C-alpha atoms as a PDB file:
ATOM      1  CA  UNK A   1     -94.076-103.367 -23.456  1.00  0.00           C
ATOM      2  CA  UNK A   2     -90.362-103.919 -24.546  1.00  0.00           C
ATOM      3  CA  UNK A   3     -88.834-101.118 -26.522  1.00  0.00           C
ATOM      4  CA  UNK A   4     -86.844-102.419 -29.509  1.00  0.00           C
ATOM      5  CA  UNK A   5     -84.110-100.502 -31.173  1.00  0.00           C
ATOM      6  CA  UNK A   6     -84.456 -99.973 -34.905  1.00  0.00           C
ATOM      7  CA  UNK A   7     -81.857 -99.288 -37.524  1.00  0.00           C
ATOM      8  CA  UNK A   8     -83.082 -95.681 -37.656  1.00  0.00           C
ATOM      9  CA  UNK A   9     -82.560 -95.214 -33.899  1.00  0.00           C
ATOM     10  CA  UNK A  10     -79.079 -96.442 -34.101  1.00  0.00           C
ATOM     11  CA  UNK A  11     -78.357 -94.149 -37.065  1.00  0.00           C
ATOM     12  CA  UNK A  12     -79.764 -91.144 -35.065  1.00  0.00           C
ATOM     13  CA  UNK A  13     -77.623 -91.958 -31.999  1.00  0.00           C
ATOM     14  CA  UNK A  14     -74.465 -92.481 -34.103  1.00  0.00           C
ATOM     15  CA  UNK A  15     -75.106 -89.154 -35.936  1.00  0.00           C
ATOM     16  CA  UNK A  16     -75.573 -87.313 -32.611  1.00  0.00           C
ATOM     17  CA  UNK A  17     -72.422 -89.002 -31.197  1.00  0.00           C
ATOM     18  CA  UNK A  18     -70.340 -87.868 -34.201  1.00  0.00           C
ATOM     19  CA  UNK A  19     -71.819 -84.386 -33.917  1.00  0.00           C
ATOM     20  CA  UNK A  20     -70.998 -84.218 -30.298  1.00  0.00           C
ATOM     21  CA  UNK A  21     -67.424 -85.345 -30.795  1.00  0.00           C
ATOM     22  CA  UNK A  22     -66.881 -82.825 -33.596  1.00  0.00           C
ATOM     23  CA  UNK A  23     -68.151 -80.159 -31.258  1.00  0.00           C
ATOM     24  CA  UNK A  24     -66.178 -81.248 -28.178  1.00  0.00           C
ATOM     25  CA  UNK A  25     -62.887 -82.084 -29.928  1.00  0.00           C
ATOM     26  CA  UNK A  26     -61.846 -78.483 -30.716  1.00  0.00           C
ATOM     27  CA  UNK A  27     -62.111 -77.616 -26.991  1.00  0.00           C
ATOM     28  CA  UNK A  28     -59.967 -80.713 -26.048  1.00  0.00           C
ATOM     29  CA  UNK A  29     -57.339 -79.759 -28.614  1.00  0.00           C
ATOM     30  CA  UNK A  30     -57.151 -76.208 -27.390  1.00  0.00           C
ATOM     31  CA  UNK A  31     -56.758 -77.225 -23.732  1.00  0.00           C
ATOM     32  CA  UNK A  32     -54.157 -79.856 -24.539  1.00  0.00           C
ATOM     33  CA  UNK A  33     -52.222 -77.400 -26.727  1.00  0.00           C
ATOM     34  CA  UNK A  34     -52.392 -74.698 -24.061  1.00  0.00           C
ATOM     35  CA  UNK A  35     -50.884 -77.140 -21.414  1.00  0.00           C
ATOM     36  CA  UNK A  36     -48.051 -78.305 -23.600  1.00  0.00           C
ATOM     37  CA  UNK A  37     -44.606 -76.640 -23.945  1.00  0.00           C
ATOM     38  CA  UNK A  38     -44.894 -74.047 -26.747  1.00  0.00           C
ATOM     39  CA  UNK A  39     -41.720 -75.017 -28.617  1.00  0.00           C
ATOM     40  CA  UNK A  40     -42.583 -78.744 -28.375  1.00  0.00           C
ATOM     41  CA  UNK A  41     -46.013 -78.107 -29.763  1.00  0.00           C
ATOM     42  CA  UNK A  42     -44.487 -76.640 -32.900  1.00  0.00           C
ATOM     43  CA  UNK A  43     -43.414 -80.188 -33.796  1.00  0.00           C
ATOM     44  CA  UNK A  44     -47.005 -81.166 -34.116  1.00  0.00           C
ATOM     45  CA  UNK A  45     -48.754 -84.309 -32.911  1.00  0.00           C
ATOM     46  CA  UNK A  46     -50.735 -82.680 -30.092  1.00  0.00           C
ATOM     47  CA  UNK A  47     -54.186 -84.158 -30.390  1.00  0.00           C
ATOM     48  CA  UNK A  48     -55.858 -85.209 -27.059  1.00  0.00           C
ATOM     49  CA  UNK A  49     -53.442 -84.469 -24.283  1.00  0.00           C
ATOM     50  CA  UNK A  50     -50.204 -82.591 -23.657  1.00  0.00           C
ATOM     51  CA  UNK A  51     -46.935 -84.382 -24.560  1.00  0.00           C
ATOM     52  CA  UNK A  52     -44.731 -82.018 -22.511  1.00  0.00           C
ATOM     53  CA  UNK A  53     -46.888 -80.619 -19.739  1.00  0.00           C
ATOM     54  CA  UNK A  54     -46.306 -77.074 -18.534  1.00  0.00           C
ATOM     55  CA  UNK A  55     -48.218 -74.158 -17.045  1.00  0.00           C
ATOM     56  CA  UNK A  56     -45.810 -71.549 -18.438  1.00  0.00           C
ATOM     57  CA  UNK A  57     -48.330 -70.428 -21.069  1.00  0.00           C
ATOM     58  CA  UNK A  58     -50.904 -69.563 -18.366  1.00  0.00           C
ATOM     59  CA  UNK A  59     -48.234 -68.009 -16.126  1.00  0.00           C
ATOM     60  CA  UNK A  60     -47.017 -65.819 -18.951  1.00  0.00           C
ATOM     61  CA  UNK A  61     -50.517 -64.513 -19.643  1.00  0.00           C
ATOM     62  CA  UNK A  62     -51.629 -64.156 -16.023  1.00  0.00           C
ATOM     63  CA  UNK A  63     -48.464 -62.579 -14.657  1.00  0.00           C
ATOM     64  CA  UNK A  64     -49.419 -59.295 -16.224  1.00  0.00           C
ATOM     65  CA  UNK A  65     -50.737 -57.108 -13.409  1.00  0.00           C
ATOM     66  CA  UNK A  66     -53.156 -55.494 -15.893  1.00  0.00           C
ATOM     67  CA  UNK A  67     -55.016 -58.770 -16.245  1.00  0.00           C
ATOM     68  CA  UNK A  68     -56.956 -58.523 -12.909  1.00  0.00           C
ATOM     69  CA  UNK A  69     -58.029 -54.882 -13.660  1.00  0.00           C
ATOM     70  CA  UNK A  70     -59.120 -55.974 -17.088  1.00  0.00           C
ATOM     71  CA  UNK A  71     -61.081 -58.862 -15.673  1.00  0.00           C
ATOM     72  CA  UNK A  72     -62.796 -56.454 -13.241  1.00  0.00           C
ATOM     73  CA  UNK A  73     -63.794 -54.268 -16.156  1.00  0.00           C
ATOM     74  CA  UNK A  74     -65.162 -57.238 -18.089  1.00  0.00           C
ATOM     75  CA  UNK A  75     -67.111 -58.626 -15.132  1.00  0.00           C
ATOM     76  CA  UNK A  76     -68.535 -55.161 -14.301  1.00  0.00           C
ATOM     77  CA  UNK A  77     -69.649 -54.435 -17.886  1.00  0.00           C
ATOM     78  CA  UNK A  78     -71.161 -57.897 -18.229  1.00  0.00           C
ATOM     79  CA  UNK A  79     -73.205 -57.692 -14.989  1.00  0.00           C
ATOM     80  CA  UNK A  80     -74.240 -54.048 -15.377  1.00  0.00           C
ATOM     81  CA  UNK A  81     -74.819 -54.316 -19.165  1.00  0.00           C
ATOM     82  CA  UNK A  82     -76.811 -57.598 -18.907  1.00  0.00           C
ATOM     83  CA  UNK A  83     -79.020 -56.375 -16.003  1.00  0.00           C
ATOM     84  CA  UNK A  84     -79.798 -52.976 -17.609  1.00  0.00           C
ATOM     85  CA  UNK A  85     -80.305 -54.580 -21.026  1.00  0.00           C
ATOM     86  CA  UNK A  86     -82.754 -57.153 -19.861  1.00  0.00           C
ATOM     87  CA  UNK A  87     -84.674 -54.844 -17.513  1.00  0.00           C
ATOM     88  CA  UNK A  88     -85.141 -52.058 -20.151  1.00  0.00           C
ATOM     89  CA  UNK A  89     -85.920 -54.459 -23.039  1.00  0.00           C
ATOM     90  CA  UNK A  90     -88.436 -56.391 -21.020  1.00  0.00           C
ATOM     91  CA  UNK A  91     -90.072 -53.084 -19.760  1.00  0.00           C
ATOM     92  CA  UNK A  92     -90.133 -51.940 -23.466  1.00  0.00           C
ATOM     93  CA  UNK A  93     -91.558 -55.148 -24.685  1.00  0.00           C
ATOM     94  CA  UNK A  94     -94.312 -55.251 -22.054  1.00  0.00           C
ATOM     95  CA  UNK A  95     -95.316 -51.664 -23.040  1.00  0.00           C
ATOM     96  CA  UNK A  96     -95.556 -52.706 -26.718  1.00  0.00           C
ATOM     97  CA  UNK A  97     -98.108 -55.471 -25.738  1.00  0.00           C
ATOM     98  CA  UNK A  98    -100.483 -52.715 -24.686  1.00  0.00           C
ATOM     99  CA  UNK A  99    -102.335 -51.452 -27.800  1.00  0.00           C
ATOM    100  CA  UNK A 100    -103.457 -48.325 -25.893  1.00  0.00           C
ATOM    101  CA  UNK A 101     -99.890 -46.937 -25.420  1.00  0.00           C
ATOM    102  CA  UNK A 102     -99.620 -43.663 -27.379  1.00  0.00           C
ATOM    103  CA  UNK A 103     -97.033 -43.741 -30.233  1.00  0.00           C
ATOM    104  CA  UNK A 104     -96.683 -47.547 -30.115  1.00  0.00           C
ATOM    105  CA  UNK A 105     -96.121 -47.933 -33.841  1.00  0.00           C
ATOM    106  CA  UNK A 106     -93.611 -45.000 -33.838  1.00  0.00           C
ATOM    107  CA  UNK A 107     -91.497 -46.648 -31.098  1.00  0.00           C
ATOM    108  CA  UNK A 108     -91.591 -50.002 -33.003  1.00  0.00           C
ATOM    109  CA  UNK A 109     -90.377 -48.288 -36.127  1.00  0.00           C
ATOM    110  CA  UNK A 110     -87.746 -46.375 -34.062  1.00  0.00           C
ATOM    111  CA  UNK A 111     -86.063 -49.503 -32.766  1.00  0.00           C
ATOM    112  CA  UNK A 112     -86.510 -51.414 -36.082  1.00  0.00           C
ATOM    113  CA  UNK A 113     -84.698 -48.831 -38.297  1.00  0.00           C
ATOM    114  CA  UNK A 114     -81.177 -49.474 -36.987  1.00  0.00           C
ATOM    115  CA  UNK A 115     -81.667 -53.135 -38.111  1.00  0.00           C
ATOM    116  CA  UNK A 116     -81.988 -51.893 -41.804  1.00  0.00           C
ATOM    117  CA  UNK A 117     -79.623 -48.943 -41.713  1.00  0.00           C
ATOM    118  CA  UNK A 118     -76.258 -49.248 -39.978  1.00  0.00           C
ATOM    119  CA  UNK A 119     -74.389 -45.958 -39.791  1.00  0.00           C
ATOM    120  CA  UNK A 120     -70.991 -47.596 -39.789  1.00  0.00           C
ATOM    121  CA  UNK A 121     -67.804 -47.154 -37.759  1.00  0.00           C
ATOM    122  CA  UNK A 122     -66.972 -43.433 -38.349  1.00  0.00           C
ATOM    123  CA  UNK A 123     -70.502 -41.994 -37.762  1.00  0.00           C
ATOM    124  CA  UNK A 124     -70.739 -44.064 -34.627  1.00  0.00           C
ATOM    125  CA  UNK A 125     -67.359 -42.890 -33.349  1.00  0.00           C
ATOM    126  CA  UNK A 126     -68.368 -39.210 -33.943  1.00  0.00           C
ATOM    127  CA  UNK A 127     -71.728 -39.857 -32.184  1.00  0.00           C
ATOM    128  CA  UNK A 128     -70.009 -41.509 -29.201  1.00  0.00           C
ATOM    129  CA  UNK A 129     -67.467 -38.613 -29.006  1.00  0.00           C
ATOM    130  CA  UNK A 130     -70.271 -35.996 -29.111  1.00  0.00           C
ATOM    131  CA  UNK A 131     -72.120 -37.860 -26.340  1.00  0.00           C
ATOM    132  CA  UNK A 132     -68.919 -37.925 -24.213  1.00  0.00           C
ATOM    133  CA  UNK A 133     -68.791 -41.782 -24.203  1.00  0.00           C
ATOM    134  CA  UNK A 134     -65.321 -42.163 -25.538  1.00  0.00           C
ATOM    135  CA  UNK A 135     -62.878 -43.373 -22.873  1.00  0.00           C
ATOM    136  CA  UNK A 136     -65.644 -43.892 -20.353  1.00  0.00           C
ATOM    137  CA  UNK A 137     -67.087 -47.145 -18.847  1.00  0.00           C
ATOM    138  CA  UNK A 138     -70.470 -46.350 -20.306  1.00  0.00           C
ATOM    139  CA  UNK A 139     -69.285 -46.765 -23.890  1.00  0.00           C
ATOM    140  CA  UNK A 140     -69.654 -50.524 -23.119  1.00  0.00           C
ATOM    141  CA  UNK A 141     -73.174 -50.207 -21.775  1.00  0.00           C
ATOM    142  CA  UNK A 142     -75.263 -47.461 -23.435  1.00  0.00           C
ATOM    143  CA  UNK A 143     -74.850 -48.330 -27.165  1.00  0.00           C
ATOM    144  CA  UNK A 144     -75.996 -51.880 -26.528  1.00  0.00           C
ATOM    145  CA  UNK A 145     -78.907 -51.114 -24.206  1.00  0.00           C
ATOM    146  CA  UNK A 146     -81.601 -52.031 -26.755  1.00  0.00           C
ATOM    147  CA  UNK A 147     -81.983 -54.855 -29.231  1.00  0.00           C
ATOM    148  CA  UNK A 148     -84.904 -55.105 -31.655  1.00  0.00           C
ATOM    149  CA  UNK A 149     -84.745 -59.006 -31.763  1.00  0.00           C
ATOM    150  CA  UNK A 150     -84.637 -59.298 -28.034  1.00  0.00           C
ATOM    151  CA  UNK A 151     -87.626 -56.995 -27.668  1.00  0.00           C
ATOM    152  CA  UNK A 152     -89.552 -58.991 -30.285  1.00  0.00           C
ATOM    153  CA  UNK A 153     -88.775 -62.317 -28.487  1.00  0.00           C
ATOM    154  CA  UNK A 154     -89.933 -60.811 -25.124  1.00  0.00           C
ATOM    155  CA  UNK A 155     -93.037 -59.253 -26.550  1.00  0.00           C
ATOM    156  CA  UNK A 156     -94.052 -62.556 -28.248  1.00  0.00           C
ATOM    157  CA  UNK A 157     -93.499 -64.355 -24.895  1.00  0.00           C
ATOM    158  CA  UNK A 158     -95.547 -61.745 -22.989  1.00  0.00           C
ATOM    159  CA  UNK A 159     -98.369 -62.058 -25.563  1.00  0.00           C
ATOM    160  CA  UNK A 160     -98.662 -65.737 -24.718  1.00  0.00           C
ATOM    161  CA  UNK A 161     -99.233 -65.234 -20.966  1.00  0.00           C
ATOM    162  CA  UNK A 162    -102.915 -65.794 -19.994  1.00  0.00           C
ATOM    163  CA  UNK A 163    -104.860 -62.503 -20.048  1.00  0.00           C
ATOM    164  CA  UNK A 164    -106.979 -63.753 -17.203  1.00  0.00           C
ATOM    165  CA  UNK A 165    -104.037 -63.489 -14.871  1.00  0.00           C
ATOM    166  CA  UNK A 166    -103.587 -59.815 -15.736  1.00  0.00           C
ATOM    167  CA  UNK A 167    -107.224 -59.058 -15.444  1.00  0.00           C
ATOM    168  CA  UNK A 168    -107.484 -60.771 -12.058  1.00  0.00           C
ATOM    169  CA  UNK A 169    -104.605 -58.750 -10.793  1.00  0.00           C
ATOM    170  CA  UNK A 170    -106.141 -55.519 -12.130  1.00  0.00           C
ATOM    171  CA  UNK A 171    -109.423 -56.401 -10.457  1.00  0.00           C
ATOM    172  CA  UNK A 172    -107.543 -56.959  -7.142  1.00  0.00           C
ATOM    173  CA  UNK A 173    -106.168 -53.434  -7.429  1.00  0.00           C
ATOM    174  CA  UNK A 174    -102.769 -53.854  -8.998  1.00  0.00           C
ATOM    175  CA  UNK A 175    -101.617 -51.077 -11.316  1.00  0.00           C
ATOM    176  CA  UNK A 176     -99.569 -51.731 -14.450  1.00  0.00           C
ATOM    177  CA  UNK A 177     -96.143 -51.634 -12.612  1.00  0.00           C
ATOM    178  CA  UNK A 178     -97.546 -54.079  -9.970  1.00  0.00           C
ATOM    179  CA  UNK A 179     -98.784 -56.377 -12.674  1.00  0.00           C
ATOM    180  CA  UNK A 180     -95.316 -56.232 -14.453  1.00  0.00           C
ATOM    181  CA  UNK A 181     -93.203 -56.812 -11.264  1.00  0.00           C
ATOM    182  CA  UNK A 182     -95.507 -59.257  -9.403  1.00  0.00           C
ATOM    183  CA  UNK A 183     -97.139 -61.155 -12.248  1.00  0.00           C
ATOM    184  CA  UNK A 184     -95.198 -60.880 -15.515  1.00  0.00           C
ATOM    185  CA  UNK A 185     -91.577 -61.044 -14.338  1.00  0.00           C
ATOM    186  CA  UNK A 186     -91.959 -64.169 -12.068  1.00  0.00           C
ATOM    187  CA  UNK A 187     -93.580 -65.944 -15.059  1.00  0.00           C
ATOM    188  CA  UNK A 188     -90.818 -64.958 -17.444  1.00  0.00           C
ATOM    189  CA  UNK A 189     -87.812 -66.832 -15.974  1.00  0.00           C
ATOM    190  CA  UNK A 190     -86.930 -68.995 -19.025  1.00  0.00           C
ATOM    191  CA  UNK A 191     -87.027 -66.128 -21.586  1.00  0.00           C
ATOM    192  CA  UNK A 192     -85.196 -63.711 -19.174  1.00  0.00           C
ATOM    193  CA  UNK A 193     -82.475 -66.354 -18.621  1.00  0.00           C
ATOM    194  CA  UNK A 194     -82.107 -66.930 -22.340  1.00  0.00           C
ATOM    195  CA  UNK A 195     -81.852 -63.264 -23.102  1.00  0.00           C
ATOM    196  CA  UNK A 196     -79.367 -62.795 -20.260  1.00  0.00           C
ATOM    197  CA  UNK A 197     -77.268 -65.475 -21.634  1.00  0.00           C
ATOM    198  CA  UNK A 198     -77.221 -63.936 -25.138  1.00  0.00           C
ATOM    199  CA  UNK A 199     -76.339 -60.480 -23.827  1.00  0.00           C
ATOM    200  CA  UNK A 200     -73.880 -61.713 -21.208  1.00  0.00           C
ATOM    201  CA  UNK A 201     -71.928 -63.784 -23.773  1.00  0.00           C
ATOM    202  CA  UNK A 202     -71.943 -60.756 -26.147  1.00  0.00           C
ATOM    203  CA  UNK A 203     -70.477 -58.457 -23.451  1.00  0.00           C
ATOM    204  CA  UNK A 204     -67.917 -60.968 -22.343  1.00  0.00           C
ATOM    205  CA  UNK A 205     -66.598 -61.724 -25.787  1.00  0.00           C
ATOM    206  CA  UNK A 206     -66.616 -58.146 -27.065  1.00  0.00           C
ATOM    207  CA  UNK A 207     -63.057 -56.916 -27.754  1.00  0.00           C
ATOM    208  CA  UNK A 208     -63.964 -54.375 -30.554  1.00  0.00           C
ATOM    209  CA  UNK A 209     -65.340 -51.588 -28.325  1.00  0.00           C
ATOM    210  CA  UNK A 210     -62.235 -51.607 -26.063  1.00  0.00           C
ATOM    211  CA  UNK A 211     -59.977 -51.483 -29.058  1.00  0.00           C
ATOM    212  CA  UNK A 212     -61.400 -48.577 -30.963  1.00  0.00           C
ATOM    213  CA  UNK A 213     -63.415 -46.491 -28.394  1.00  0.00           C
ATOM    214  CA  UNK A 214     -61.103 -46.675 -25.304  1.00  0.00           C
ATOM    215  CA  UNK A 215     -57.563 -45.442 -24.949  1.00  0.00           C
ATOM    216  CA  UNK A 216     -57.468 -45.418 -21.112  1.00  0.00           C
ATOM    217  CA  UNK A 217     -55.666 -48.593 -20.111  1.00  0.00           C
ATOM    218  CA  UNK A 218     -57.589 -48.708 -16.872  1.00  0.00           C
ATOM    219  CA  UNK A 219     -60.808 -49.264 -18.799  1.00  0.00           C
ATOM    220  CA  UNK A 220     -59.530 -51.972 -21.143  1.00  0.00           C
ATOM    221  CA  UNK A 221     -61.563 -55.249 -20.890  1.00  0.00           C
ATOM    222  CA  UNK A 222     -59.803 -58.611 -20.700  1.00  0.00           C
ATOM    223  CA  UNK A 223     -60.574 -59.660 -24.373  1.00  0.00           C
ATOM    224  CA  UNK A 224     -58.995 -56.378 -25.632  1.00  0.00           C
ATOM    225  CA  UNK A 225     -55.948 -56.769 -23.306  1.00  0.00           C
ATOM    226  CA  UNK A 226     -55.445 -60.405 -24.411  1.00  0.00           C
ATOM    227  CA  UNK A 227     -55.675 -59.408 -28.007  1.00  0.00           C
ATOM    228  CA  UNK A 228     -52.913 -56.774 -27.398  1.00  0.00           C
ATOM    229  CA  UNK A 229     -50.797 -59.319 -25.626  1.00  0.00           C
ATOM    230  CA  UNK A 230     -51.127 -61.674 -28.527  1.00  0.00           C
ATOM    231  CA  UNK A 231     -50.088 -58.917 -30.921  1.00  0.00           C
ATOM    232  CA  UNK A 232     -47.031 -58.113 -28.782  1.00  0.00           C
ATOM    233  CA  UNK A 233     -46.007 -61.759 -28.527  1.00  0.00           C
ATOM    234  CA  UNK A 234     -46.317 -62.236 -32.230  1.00  0.00           C
ATOM    235  CA  UNK A 235     -44.212 -59.144 -32.857  1.00  0.00           C
ATOM    236  CA  UNK A 236     -41.532 -60.459 -30.410  1.00  0.00           C
ATOM    237  CA  UNK A 237     -41.490 -63.859 -32.029  1.00  0.00           C
ATOM    238  CA  UNK A 238     -41.127 -62.395 -35.563  1.00  0.00           C
ATOM    239  CA  UNK A 239     -38.313 -60.171 -34.332  1.00  0.00           C
ATOM    240  CA  UNK A 240     -36.460 -63.173 -32.785  1.00  0.00           C
ATOM    241  CA  UNK A 241     -37.012 -65.302 -35.869  1.00  0.00           C
ATOM    242  CA  UNK A 242     -35.822 -62.535 -38.198  1.00  0.00           C
ATOM    243  CA  UNK A 243     -32.473 -62.265 -36.534  1.00  0.00           C
ATOM    244  CA  UNK A 244     -29.564 -64.610 -37.442  1.00  0.00           C
ATOM    245  CA  UNK A 245     -27.294 -63.738 -34.517  1.00  0.00           C
ATOM    246  CA  UNK A 246     -26.263 -66.569 -32.217  1.00  0.00           C
ATOM    247  CA  UNK A 247     -27.581 -64.562 -29.170  1.00  0.00           C
ATOM    248  CA  UNK A 248     -31.013 -64.518 -30.750  1.00  0.00           C
ATOM    249  CA  UNK A 249     -30.807 -68.214 -31.555  1.00  0.00           C
ATOM    250  CA  UNK A 250     -29.813 -69.095 -27.959  1.00  0.00           C
ATOM    251  CA  UNK A 251     -32.688 -66.849 -26.675  1.00  0.00           C
ATOM    252  CA  UNK A 252     -35.130 -68.674 -28.924  1.00  0.00           C
ATOM    253  CA  UNK A 253     -33.928 -72.021 -27.558  1.00  0.00           C
ATOM    254  CA  UNK A 254     -34.848 -70.917 -23.988  1.00  0.00           C
ATOM    255  CA  UNK A 255     -38.355 -70.044 -24.906  1.00  0.00           C
ATOM    256  CA  UNK A 256     -41.096 -72.384 -23.673  1.00  0.00           C
ATOM    257  CA  UNK A 257     -43.959 -70.318 -25.099  1.00  0.00           C
ATOM    258  CA  UNK A 258     -44.940 -69.397 -28.645  1.00  0.00           C
ATOM    259  CA  UNK A 259     -47.596 -67.053 -29.971  1.00  0.00           C
ATOM    260  CA  UNK A 260     -49.696 -70.037 -30.864  1.00  0.00           C
ATOM    261  CA  UNK A 261     -49.516 -71.549 -27.381  1.00  0.00           C
ATOM    262  CA  UNK A 262     -50.246 -68.153 -25.791  1.00  0.00           C
ATOM    263  CA  UNK A 263     -53.206 -67.857 -28.085  1.00  0.00           C
ATOM    264  CA  UNK A 264     -54.509 -71.275 -26.885  1.00  0.00           C
ATOM    265  CA  UNK A 265     -54.055 -70.389 -23.267  1.00  0.00           C
ATOM    266  CA  UNK A 266     -55.726 -67.006 -23.668  1.00  0.00           C
ATOM    267  CA  UNK A 267     -58.595 -68.653 -25.518  1.00  0.00           C
ATOM    268  CA  UNK A 268     -59.173 -70.944 -22.486  1.00  0.00           C
ATOM    269  CA  UNK A 269     -58.945 -68.092 -20.026  1.00  0.00           C
ATOM    270  CA  UNK A 270     -61.405 -66.029 -21.961  1.00  0.00           C
ATOM    271  CA  UNK A 271     -63.961 -68.861 -22.519  1.00  0.00           C
ATOM    272  CA  UNK A 272     -63.716 -70.678 -19.145  1.00  0.00           C
ATOM    273  CA  UNK A 273     -65.744 -68.185 -16.972  1.00  0.00           C
ATOM    274  CA  UNK A 274     -68.743 -68.040 -19.386  1.00  0.00           C
ATOM    275  CA  UNK A 275     -68.594 -71.894 -19.739  1.00  0.00           C
ATOM    276  CA  UNK A 276     -68.955 -72.161 -15.876  1.00  0.00           C
ATOM    277  CA  UNK A 277     -72.089 -69.940 -15.986  1.00  0.00           C
ATOM    278  CA  UNK A 278     -73.718 -71.658 -18.971  1.00  0.00           C
ATOM    279  CA  UNK A 279     -74.775 -74.945 -17.127  1.00  0.00           C
ATOM    280  CA  UNK A 280     -76.794 -72.903 -14.637  1.00  0.00           C
ATOM    281  CA  UNK A 281     -78.757 -71.297 -17.473  1.00  0.00           C
ATOM    282  CA  UNK A 282     -78.836 -74.200 -19.913  1.00  0.00           C
ATOM    283  CA  UNK A 283     -82.149 -75.645 -18.496  1.00  0.00           C
ATOM    284  CA  UNK A 284     -83.878 -72.388 -19.333  1.00  0.00           C
ATOM    285  CA  UNK A 285     -82.159 -71.947 -22.720  1.00  0.00           C
ATOM    286  CA  UNK A 286     -84.142 -74.205 -25.038  1.00  0.00           C
ATOM    287  CA  UNK A 287     -87.475 -73.564 -23.303  1.00  0.00           C
ATOM    288  CA  UNK A 288     -87.018 -69.839 -23.263  1.00  0.00           C
ATOM    289  CA  UNK A 289     -85.933 -69.572 -26.930  1.00  0.00           C
ATOM    290  CA  UNK A 290     -88.828 -71.693 -28.178  1.00  0.00           C
ATOM    291  CA  UNK A 291     -91.455 -69.996 -26.020  1.00  0.00           C
ATOM    292  CA  UNK A 292     -90.211 -66.561 -27.103  1.00  0.00           C
ATOM    293  CA  UNK A 293     -89.952 -67.275 -30.802  1.00  0.00           C
ATOM    294  CA  UNK A 294     -93.119 -69.230 -31.565  1.00  0.00           C
ATOM    295  CA  UNK A 295     -96.375 -67.428 -31.847  1.00  0.00           C
ATOM    296  CA  UNK A 296     -99.046 -69.404 -29.916  1.00  0.00           C
END
């Protein structure tokens, strides 16, 4: 039977095409701007590709020796934080599916309260200081170990698994840990991948924790370091533009980077690694989110 295109099909495809272009174009613009000479970019007219190609923006950002150390901190906190978060939240969610667990309602209330009542920055800072987390690597990990919404998604997913599988494993002699590691986890790939993506992106993009809770430059993540570099470059540019001396004018003429071009290149550097990881998890993303959020 021949499939015939209708006007409605064409409208849907056209709408999807426009939506895709509006989503993709900002990335194209940022990449083109970051690969163009900074002073030349100030003239405008950079839309799809660089007019005066240069890698000076990336060289300026990457030549700082702190950048590799900051990347190591970011990668470490992303891997450790994501693994611990997913493991503990999945274990917590599986326990909550068991109605025989003592204090089950109390633990649900305990993890739900922070959703309603946020202590704020100052109480959190005092708490972290009393716990000895300030200026330590674990300030990136411990405060974000549990998430009520992730536990809710995982628990909903576990509730949808066939009870017969668990009963069969129990009849064969498996204890609860055996059922969890040998039955539940292998069947939970999509939702685990989805939660891992959420948590990993959150750790990768977080600059707030490094800015306000860490003073040791050896523990600064890449997003915080890049934010500091942008602030410094902005200050230097304002100082150069505020001076009327001929020396300053000649110095400005020699510049090939601007705060805006550095901002674009740092944006690409910060986003590119997580974009490389996303295609490997994308096939689990929609399936995991839907299975975990809809009660069957």
